[in-house]
Structures are given as structure tokens and as C-alpha cells.
Amino acid sequence: MDERSDTELLLASRAEPVAFVELYRRHAEDVLRYFARRTLDPEAAAELTAETFAEAYASRQINYINNQVAESTIKVDLHEPGAAAAQSPDTVDNPSLGHAWDRAVQGLLNVIAATLIGLGYLIPLLIIAGIVFVIVRLARRRRMPVENV
């Protein structure tokens, strides 16, 4: 059994492909179990496991920067025949920072517009209330007798 870490094995596999066999031995069973739980089909799980490791093996030369390997996530798309297509990342509402700012400014403008519309309904009511207040006040002054001092 090889004592090197997964990262060391992956780096070594560029020069000695046999090092990748140890990675396979360490992780194939877990990957197979994962796919078996997700697909409920042992044959499909075995095929997906093989494809996953084949892709990892093929890309081991590509995915490095300055001889360093970063931890990464393997993205696997499972498609059932006849099922509706999943949304691609382009169709999911996942805005960039610029779009988020645009939406925030648009939201602020909508709040200001709603406030102005609300004032448009409120101002005539305040004018009517002011007129009623002035009429009532004038009526009370006329009823009160003026006292002479």
C-alpha cells in the first residue's frame, strides 16, 4: 500500500501512471456506492464509476497550476431517458455582481415610485381633511360669543 497522499499520488501519476491505480483502489468503492445510491442501478453505477475515473485519469495532466493540485469537485450529470432536461447554469437565476446591482437599483426605483403613488392618493385626502378642519374651526368661532373685557 502506498503511503503518499492523494495529491502526491495524482502529481506522481503524471510521470508514473501506475500511481493512479492506488487512487483508484482508495476511492473506487466509495464512488461506486455513491452512484449506486443515486441511480439504483448497479450497471449504471459501475459505468459511471468507470467514466469518472477515466475522466480523472485523462485530465490529470490538464488540471494543475505550477505543479500544484487544488481540491476540486467532480460534477456528474445523470440523465434518465425521457426525463425533462435539467436547467443549465445559463438558465438558472444566478446573477453576476453587475446584474445584482442593476436589480438593487431597479428595486430602489420601484420603492420610490410606489411611495410617490401612495402620496398621490394621500395628498387629496389630506387636502379634504384640511378643508373640513378649517370649516369646523370657523363654525366654532361663530358660535362662541365674544367676551368684552
Protein backbone atom coordinates (compact mmCIF):
# COMPACT_ATOMS: atom_id res chain seq x y z
CA MET A 1 0.00 0.00 0.00
CA ASP A 2 1.33 3.41 -0.98
CA GLU A 3 1.67 5.90 1.91
CA ARG A 4 1.55 9.02 -0.26
CA SER A 5 -1.38 11.43 -0.04
CA ASP A 6 -3.98 11.63 -2.81
CA THR A 7 -2.42 14.88 -4.03
CA GLU A 8 1.05 13.34 -4.13
CA LEU A 9 -0.28 10.31 -5.99
CA LEU A 10 -2.08 12.50 -8.52
CA LEU A 11 1.07 14.55 -9.10
CA ALA A 12 3.18 11.38 -9.38
CA SER A 13 0.69 9.82 -11.82
CA ARG A 14 1.76 12.35 -14.46
CA ALA A 15 5.16 10.69 -14.64
CA GLU A 16 4.22 7.19 -13.47
CA PRO A 17 0.64 6.26 -14.43
CA VAL A 18 0.75 3.29 -12.02
CA ALA A 19 0.37 5.79 -9.15
CA PHE A 20 -3.16 6.44 -10.36
CA VAL A 21 -4.01 2.78 -9.66
CA GLU A 22 -3.57 3.47 -5.93
CA LEU A 23 -6.00 6.40 -6.18
CA TYR A 24 -8.46 4.10 -7.88
CA ARG A 25 -8.06 1.45 -5.15
CA ARG A 26 -8.63 4.04 -2.42
CA HIS A 27 -11.74 5.65 -3.83
CA ALA A 28 -13.45 3.39 -6.40
CA GLU A 29 -15.61 1.58 -3.85
CA ASP A 30 -16.91 4.84 -2.32
CA VAL A 31 -17.62 6.33 -5.75
CA LEU A 32 -19.41 3.14 -6.82
CA ARG A 33 -21.56 3.18 -3.65
CA TYR A 34 -22.43 6.83 -4.26
CA PHE A 35 -23.56 6.17 -7.83
CA ALA A 36 -25.42 3.02 -6.77
CA ARG A 37 -27.44 5.04 -4.22
CA ARG A 38 -28.16 7.78 -6.75
CA THR A 39 -29.08 5.61 -9.74
CA LEU A 40 -30.46 2.47 -8.02
CA ASP A 41 -28.95 0.59 -10.97
CA PRO A 42 -25.74 -1.42 -10.34
CA GLU A 43 -24.76 -1.49 -14.03
CA ALA A 44 -25.21 2.26 -14.45
CA ALA A 45 -23.30 2.86 -11.21
CA ALA A 46 -20.37 0.74 -12.43
CA GLU A 47 -20.36 2.53 -15.78
CA LEU A 48 -20.45 5.97 -14.14
CA THR A 49 -17.64 4.97 -11.79
CA ALA A 50 -15.51 3.84 -14.71
CA GLU A 51 -16.26 7.05 -16.64
CA THR A 52 -15.44 9.18 -13.59
CA PHE A 53 -12.04 7.60 -13.11
CA ALA A 54 -11.33 7.60 -16.84
CA GLU A 55 -12.04 11.32 -16.97
CA ALA A 56 -9.94 11.94 -13.85
CA TYR A 57 -7.07 9.95 -15.39
CA ALA A 58 -7.31 11.81 -18.70
CA SER A 59 -7.44 15.23 -17.04
CA ARG A 60 -4.64 14.69 -14.51
CA GLN A 61 -2.21 16.48 -16.87
CA ILE A 62 -4.58 19.37 -17.50
CA ASN A 63 -5.77 20.34 -14.02
CA TYR A 64 -2.64 21.67 -12.40
CA ILE A 65 -1.06 25.07 -11.97
CA ASN A 66 2.60 25.40 -11.05
CA ASN A 67 2.80 21.69 -10.18
CA GLN A 68 0.09 22.06 -7.53
CA VAL A 69 -3.24 20.30 -7.38
CA ALA A 70 -6.14 22.01 -5.67
CA GLU A 71 -9.07 20.20 -4.14
CA SER A 72 -11.94 20.17 -6.55
CA THR A 73 -15.42 18.85 -7.04
CA ILE A 74 -16.38 16.37 -9.69
CA LYS A 75 -19.61 17.37 -11.39
CA VAL A 76 -21.64 14.46 -12.65
CA ASP A 77 -24.86 14.89 -14.59
CA LEU A 78 -27.22 11.92 -14.55
CA HIS A 79 -29.94 11.87 -17.19
CA GLU A 80 -32.84 9.50 -17.31
CA PRO A 81 -34.14 8.67 -20.78
CA GLY A 82 -37.34 10.57 -21.49
CA ALA A 83 -36.96 12.84 -18.46
CA ALA A 84 -37.27 16.60 -18.72
CA ALA A 85 -33.95 18.31 -19.34
CA ALA A 86 -32.35 19.96 -16.33
CA GLN A 87 -31.72 23.67 -16.39
CA SER A 88 -28.25 24.62 -17.47
CA PRO A 89 -26.32 27.16 -15.37
CA ASP A 90 -27.15 29.76 -18.03
CA THR A 91 -30.90 29.40 -17.44
CA VAL A 92 -30.72 29.40 -13.64
CA ASP A 93 -31.27 32.78 -11.99
CA ASN A 94 -27.69 33.23 -10.84
CA PRO A 95 -26.85 36.88 -11.45
CA SER A 96 -23.40 38.37 -11.57
CA LEU A 97 -22.46 41.26 -9.31
CA GLY A 98 -23.36 43.73 -12.05
CA HIS A 99 -26.80 42.17 -12.50
CA ALA A 100 -27.30 42.18 -8.72
CA TRP A 101 -26.55 45.92 -8.60
CA ASP A 102 -28.91 46.56 -11.50
CA ARG A 103 -31.66 44.65 -9.69
CA ALA A 104 -30.95 46.57 -6.46
CA VAL A 105 -31.18 49.95 -8.22
CA GLN A 106 -34.36 48.84 -10.00
CA GLY A 107 -35.81 47.79 -6.64
CA LEU A 108 -34.98 51.19 -5.12
CA LEU A 109 -36.65 52.97 -8.05
CA ASN A 110 -39.72 50.77 -7.61
CA VAL A 111 -39.92 51.73 -3.91
CA ILE A 112 -39.64 55.43 -4.76
CA ALA A 113 -42.34 55.07 -7.44
CA ALA A 114 -44.64 53.24 -5.02
CA THR A 115 -44.10 56.00 -2.42
CA LEU A 116 -44.98 58.70 -4.94
CA ILE A 117 -48.09 56.83 -6.00
CA GLY A 118 -49.07 56.45 -2.34
CA LEU A 119 -48.60 60.18 -1.81
CA GLY A 120 -50.72 60.79 -4.90
CA TYR A 121 -53.59 59.03 -3.13
CA LEU A 122 -52.85 60.58 0.27
CA ILE A 123 -52.47 64.25 -0.73
CA PRO A 124 -56.10 64.74 -1.90
CA LEU A 125 -57.29 63.12 1.34
CA LEU A 126 -55.11 65.48 3.39
CA ILE A 127 -56.46 68.47 1.44
CA ILE A 128 -60.06 67.38 2.08
CA ALA A 129 -59.26 66.82 5.78
CA GLY A 130 -57.68 70.31 5.96
CA ILE A 131 -60.73 71.92 4.37
CA VAL A 132 -63.06 70.12 6.81
CA PHE A 133 -60.84 71.19 9.74
CA VAL A 134 -60.93 74.86 8.65
CA ILE A 135 -64.73 74.76 8.18
CA VAL A 136 -65.28 73.21 11.62
CA ARG A 137 -62.94 75.72 13.26
CA LEU A 138 -64.70 78.67 11.58
CA ALA A 139 -68.08 77.29 12.60
CA ARG A 140 -66.98 77.02 16.25
CA ARG A 141 -65.69 80.61 16.27
CA ARG A 142 -69.03 81.92 15.02
CA ARG A 143 -70.92 80.05 17.75
CA MET A 144 -68.80 81.36 20.60
CA PRO A 145 -69.80 84.78 21.89
CA VAL A 146 -67.07 87.31 22.02
CA GLU A 147 -66.40 88.46 25.60
CA ASN A 148 -65.75 92.10 26.23
CA VAL A 149 -63.13 92.85 28.74
